[in-house]
Protein backbone atom coordinates (compact mmCIF):
# COMPACT_ATOMS: atom_id res chain seq x y z
CA MET A 1 57.98 -101.64 147.91
CA SER A 2 61.50 -102.58 148.98
CA TYR A 3 64.70 -100.57 148.75
CA THR A 4 65.71 -102.65 145.72
CA ASP A 5 62.41 -101.83 144.03
CA LEU A 6 63.05 -98.12 144.58
CA ARG A 7 66.63 -98.36 143.38
CA ASP A 8 65.48 -100.12 140.24
CA PHE A 9 62.57 -97.74 139.58
CA TYR A 10 63.06 -95.85 136.34
CA PRO A 11 59.71 -94.34 135.41
CA GLU A 12 58.83 -94.76 131.77
CA PHE A 13 56.17 -92.05 131.99
CA SER A 14 55.66 -88.93 134.06
CA THR A 15 52.74 -86.51 134.15
CA VAL A 16 51.40 -83.72 136.34
CA ILE A 17 47.74 -83.81 137.36
CA ASP A 18 46.40 -81.06 139.64
CA GLY A 19 49.92 -80.34 140.91
CA TRP A 20 50.72 -83.96 141.71
CA ILE A 21 53.56 -85.61 139.83
CA ILE A 22 52.77 -89.20 138.86
CA GLU A 23 55.68 -91.32 137.68
CA ILE A 24 54.77 -94.77 136.44
CA GLU A 25 56.26 -97.81 134.76
CA LYS A 26 54.96 -101.15 133.56
CA LEU A 27 56.53 -103.92 135.60
CA GLY A 28 58.59 -105.96 133.19
CA GLY A 29 58.98 -102.97 130.88
CA GLY A 30 56.76 -101.18 128.46
CA THR A 31 56.72 -98.77 125.56
CA ILE A 32 54.95 -95.42 125.78
CA GLY A 33 51.80 -95.45 123.66
CA LYS A 34 51.31 -99.21 123.78
CA SER A 35 48.69 -100.85 125.99
CA TYR A 36 49.46 -103.46 128.64
CA ASP A 37 47.64 -105.38 131.31
CA GLY A 38 49.18 -106.56 134.56
CA HIS A 39 51.09 -104.78 137.34
CA TRP A 40 52.42 -101.23 137.36
CA ARG A 41 54.86 -99.43 139.66
CA TYR A 42 54.39 -95.78 140.63
CA ILE A 43 55.54 -92.89 142.79
CA VAL A 44 53.36 -89.84 143.43
CA THR A 45 54.82 -86.58 144.74
CA ASN A 46 53.33 -83.16 145.33
CA ALA A 47 54.54 -79.87 143.82
CA PHE A 48 57.03 -79.49 146.69
CA GLY A 49 58.70 -82.82 145.92
CA GLU A 50 57.23 -84.54 148.96
CA GLU A 51 56.33 -88.17 148.38
CA ILE A 52 52.62 -88.85 148.75
CA THR A 53 52.55 -92.56 147.97
CA ARG A 54 54.38 -95.28 146.07
CA GLY A 55 53.79 -98.89 145.26
CA GLN A 56 53.68 -101.66 142.74
CA ASP A 57 50.17 -102.79 143.52
CA LEU A 58 48.44 -101.02 140.64
CA TRP A 59 46.94 -103.70 138.41
CA THR A 60 44.68 -103.88 135.39
CA GLY A 61 43.20 -106.85 133.59
CA THR A 62 42.37 -104.68 130.59
CA PRO A 63 45.26 -103.37 128.48
CA LYS A 64 45.95 -99.69 129.26
CA THR A 65 48.58 -97.15 128.23
CA HIS A 66 50.91 -95.46 130.71
CA GLY A 67 48.76 -92.32 130.52
CA ASP A 68 45.59 -94.33 131.13
CA MET A 69 47.12 -95.91 134.23
CA ALA A 70 48.35 -92.56 135.55
CA SER A 71 44.79 -91.24 135.19
CA THR A 72 43.38 -94.36 136.85
CA LEU A 73 45.76 -93.90 139.78
CA TRP A 74 44.83 -90.21 140.05
CA ASP A 75 41.12 -91.05 139.99
CA PHE A 76 41.64 -93.53 142.82
CA LEU A 77 43.75 -91.15 144.92
CA SER A 78 41.51 -88.13 144.43
CA SER A 79 38.30 -90.05 145.17
CA ASP A 80 39.59 -90.63 148.71
CA GLU A 81 39.46 -86.90 149.53
C-alpha cells in the first residue's frame, strides 16, 4: 500500500473484534449493508492504536458485505496464531 493509498483511505466500515479495530472499505466505493465482490482495503490496529497490518489485497469472488469482509479478515488473521 503506497502513501497515496493511505492518504486516500477513508474506511466505510469499522468494527472491533477481540480488541482489534478493523477498518475496511470496498475499493471503488461501497454502501454499508450491500454486498460486493472484488478488492477491499483495510487497516487493523490493536486497542493501543498500534497498527498490526494494512493492505488492499483482500479479495472475494462472492459478494460480501463490509461486516462479512471484516469477519473474513479477522478469521484469517486469528488463524495464524
